[in-house]
Each structure stands twice: as C-alpha cells, then as structure tokens.
C-alpha cells in the first residue's frame, strides 16, 4: 500500500505541476501581447515626435 500511495502522490504532483505550468504559459502569452502592443505604441509616438520636431525646425528656418 505504501508504494501505491507514493506513486499516486507522484502522479498527483505531476498533474498539479502541469496545470501550474499551463497557467504560467498563458500568463506569459498575455504579457507578450501587452509588450508587443506597447512597443507599437512607442514606435508611433517616436514617429510623431520626429515629425513634430522636423516641422518645428522647418517653421523656425522659415521665420528667419
């Protein structure tokens, strides 16, 4: 009976561990999506900043 209980306990632990790994993988996927979204937003902000600074520079040159 002792061996059976230990084997059953090991199977139970493996199943619980697999569930935890699956939940962690899902959480990592969600975080990756958020990171990719933020990266895209930063790229758009950088492009807008470059356009605005370029326009300000052109305006400054024209006013001289």
N, C-alpha and C. Protein backbone atom coordinates (compact mmCIF):
# COMPACT_ATOMS: atom_id res chain seq x y z
N UNK A 1 0.81 -1.19 0.00
CA UNK A 1 0.00 0.00 0.00
C UNK A 1 0.86 1.26 0.00
N UNK A 2 2.00 1.23 0.64
CA UNK A 2 2.85 2.40 0.71
C UNK A 2 3.39 2.82 -0.65
N UNK A 3 3.77 1.83 -1.46
CA UNK A 3 4.30 2.14 -2.79
C UNK A 3 3.20 2.72 -3.66
N UNK A 4 2.03 2.16 -3.60
CA UNK A 4 0.90 2.65 -4.40
C UNK A 4 0.57 4.09 -4.04
N UNK A 5 0.58 4.39 -2.75
CA UNK A 5 0.28 5.75 -2.31
C UNK A 5 1.36 6.72 -2.79
N UNK A 6 2.61 6.29 -2.76
CA UNK A 6 3.69 7.16 -3.23
C UNK A 6 3.59 7.40 -4.74
N UNK A 7 3.28 6.35 -5.50
CA UNK A 7 3.12 6.50 -6.95
C UNK A 7 1.93 7.41 -7.24
N UNK A 8 0.82 7.19 -6.54
CA UNK A 8 -0.35 8.04 -6.73
C UNK A 8 -0.03 9.49 -6.37
N UNK A 9 0.69 9.69 -5.30
CA UNK A 9 1.11 11.04 -4.89
C UNK A 9 1.99 11.69 -5.95
N UNK A 10 2.88 10.90 -6.54
CA UNK A 10 3.75 11.43 -7.59
C UNK A 10 2.93 11.82 -8.82
N UNK A 11 1.99 11.00 -9.23
CA UNK A 11 1.12 11.33 -10.36
C UNK A 11 0.31 12.60 -10.07
N UNK A 12 -0.22 12.68 -8.87
CA UNK A 12 -0.98 13.87 -8.48
C UNK A 12 -0.11 15.12 -8.54
N UNK A 13 1.11 15.02 -8.03
CA UNK A 13 2.02 16.16 -8.06
C UNK A 13 2.36 16.57 -9.49
N UNK A 14 2.54 15.60 -10.37
CA UNK A 14 2.85 15.89 -11.77
C UNK A 14 1.67 16.59 -12.43
N UNK A 15 0.46 16.13 -12.16
CA UNK A 15 -0.73 16.75 -12.75
C UNK A 15 -0.87 18.19 -12.25
N UNK A 16 -0.66 18.41 -10.97
CA UNK A 16 -0.74 19.76 -10.41
C UNK A 16 0.34 20.66 -11.01
N UNK A 17 1.53 20.12 -11.16
CA UNK A 17 2.63 20.89 -11.73
C UNK A 17 2.34 21.25 -13.18
N UNK A 18 1.78 20.31 -13.94
CA UNK A 18 1.44 20.58 -15.34
C UNK A 18 0.40 21.68 -15.43
N UNK A 19 -0.55 21.70 -14.52
CA UNK A 19 -1.56 22.75 -14.51
C UNK A 19 -0.93 24.11 -14.22
N UNK A 20 -0.01 24.13 -13.27
CA UNK A 20 0.67 25.39 -12.95
C UNK A 20 1.50 25.88 -14.13
N UNK A 21 2.16 24.99 -14.81
CA UNK A 21 2.96 25.36 -15.98
C UNK A 21 2.06 25.89 -17.08
N UNK A 22 0.93 25.27 -17.29
CA UNK A 22 -0.01 25.74 -18.31
C UNK A 22 -0.53 27.13 -17.99
N UNK A 23 -0.88 27.37 -16.73
CA UNK A 23 -1.36 28.70 -16.34
C UNK A 23 -0.26 29.74 -16.49
N UNK A 24 0.97 29.37 -16.15
CA UNK A 24 2.09 30.30 -16.30
C UNK A 24 2.35 30.61 -17.77
N UNK A 25 2.24 29.62 -18.63
CA UNK A 25 2.43 29.83 -20.07
C UNK A 25 1.35 30.77 -20.62
N UNK A 26 0.12 30.61 -20.16
CA UNK A 26 -0.95 31.51 -20.59
C UNK A 26 -0.68 32.94 -20.12
N UNK A 27 -0.22 33.09 -18.90
CA UNK A 27 0.09 34.42 -18.38
C UNK A 27 1.24 35.04 -19.18
N UNK A 28 2.23 34.26 -19.54
CA UNK A 28 3.35 34.78 -20.32
C UNK A 28 2.90 35.21 -21.71
N UNK A 29 2.00 34.44 -22.32
CA UNK A 29 1.47 34.83 -23.63
C UNK A 29 0.73 36.16 -23.54
N UNK A 30 -0.07 36.33 -22.49
CA UNK A 30 -0.80 37.58 -22.32
C UNK A 30 0.16 38.75 -22.12
N UNK A 31 1.21 38.54 -21.34
CA UNK A 31 2.20 39.59 -21.13
C UNK A 31 2.92 39.93 -22.44
N UNK A 32 3.20 38.92 -23.25
CA UNK A 32 3.87 39.17 -24.53
C UNK A 32 3.00 40.02 -25.45
N UNK A 33 1.70 39.75 -25.45
CA UNK A 33 0.78 40.55 -26.27
C UNK A 33 0.79 42.00 -25.79
N UNK A 34 0.78 42.20 -24.47
CA UNK A 34 0.82 43.56 -23.93
C UNK A 34 2.13 44.26 -24.30
N UNK A 35 3.23 43.55 -24.22
CA UNK A 35 4.54 44.13 -24.56
C UNK A 35 4.57 44.53 -26.02
N UNK A 36 4.06 43.67 -26.89
CA UNK A 36 4.05 43.98 -28.32
C UNK A 36 3.16 45.19 -28.61
N UNK A 37 2.04 45.30 -27.90
CA UNK A 37 1.15 46.45 -28.08
C UNK A 37 1.86 47.73 -27.64
N UNK A 38 2.51 47.68 -26.49
CA UNK A 38 3.23 48.86 -26.01
C UNK A 38 4.38 49.24 -26.93
N UNK A 39 5.05 48.25 -27.49
CA UNK A 39 6.14 48.53 -28.43
C UNK A 39 5.61 49.27 -29.65
N UNK A 40 4.49 48.84 -30.18
CA UNK A 40 3.89 49.51 -31.32
C UNK A 40 3.48 50.93 -30.99
N UNK A 41 2.94 51.13 -29.80
CA UNK A 41 2.55 52.47 -29.39
C UNK A 41 3.76 53.39 -29.27
N UNK A 42 4.83 52.88 -28.72
CA UNK A 42 6.06 53.69 -28.58
C UNK A 42 6.62 54.05 -29.94
N UNK A 43 6.59 53.11 -30.87
CA UNK A 43 7.08 53.39 -32.22
C UNK A 43 6.26 54.52 -32.86
N UNK A 44 4.94 54.46 -32.69
CA UNK A 44 4.09 55.52 -33.24
C UNK A 44 4.38 56.86 -32.58
N UNK A 45 4.60 56.86 -31.26
CA UNK A 45 4.93 58.11 -30.57
C UNK A 45 6.27 58.68 -31.04
N UNK A 46 7.24 57.80 -31.24
CA UNK A 46 8.54 58.27 -31.74
C UNK A 46 8.40 58.89 -33.13
N UNK A 47 7.60 58.27 -33.97
CA UNK A 47 7.41 58.81 -35.32
C UNK A 47 6.72 60.17 -35.26
N UNK A 48 5.72 60.30 -34.41
CA UNK A 48 5.04 61.59 -34.27
C UNK A 48 5.99 62.65 -33.74
N UNK A 49 6.81 62.29 -32.78
CA UNK A 49 7.76 63.24 -32.22
C UNK A 49 8.75 63.71 -33.28
N UNK A 50 9.24 62.79 -34.09
CA UNK A 50 10.16 63.16 -35.16
C UNK A 50 9.50 64.08 -36.17
N UNK A 51 8.25 63.80 -36.52
CA UNK A 51 7.53 64.66 -37.46
C UNK A 51 7.32 66.06 -36.87
N UNK A 52 6.94 66.12 -35.61
CA UNK A 52 6.70 67.42 -34.99
C UNK A 52 7.99 68.22 -34.82
N UNK A 53 9.07 67.58 -34.44
CA UNK A 53 10.32 68.31 -34.31
C UNK A 53 10.82 68.77 -35.68
N UNK A 54 10.63 67.95 -36.69
CA UNK A 54 11.00 68.35 -38.05
C UNK A 54 10.18 69.53 -38.52
N UNK A 55 8.89 69.51 -38.25
CA UNK A 55 8.02 70.62 -38.64
C UNK A 55 8.39 71.89 -37.89
N UNK A 56 8.72 71.77 -36.61
CA UNK A 56 9.12 72.93 -35.82
C UNK A 56 10.42 73.51 -36.35
N UNK A 57 11.33 72.67 -36.76
CA UNK A 57 12.61 73.13 -37.31
C UNK A 57 12.40 73.86 -38.63
N UNK A 58 11.55 73.32 -39.49
CA UNK A 58 11.24 73.96 -40.77
C UNK A 58 10.59 75.31 -40.52
N UNK A 59 9.65 75.37 -39.58
CA UNK A 59 8.99 76.63 -39.25
C UNK A 59 9.98 77.66 -38.73
N UNK A 60 10.93 77.19 -37.92
CA UNK A 60 11.94 78.10 -37.37
C UNK A 60 12.84 78.64 -38.47
N UNK A 61 13.20 77.81 -39.40
CA UNK A 61 14.05 78.25 -40.53
C UNK A 61 13.30 79.26 -41.40
N UNK A 62 12.03 79.04 -41.65
CA UNK A 62 11.23 79.94 -42.50
C UNK A 62 11.05 81.32 -41.84
N UNK A 63 10.98 81.35 -40.52
CA UNK A 63 10.76 82.60 -39.82
C UNK A 63 12.01 83.47 -39.75
N UNK A 64 13.13 82.97 -40.10
CA UNK A 64 14.37 83.76 -40.02
C UNK A 64 14.48 84.69 -41.13
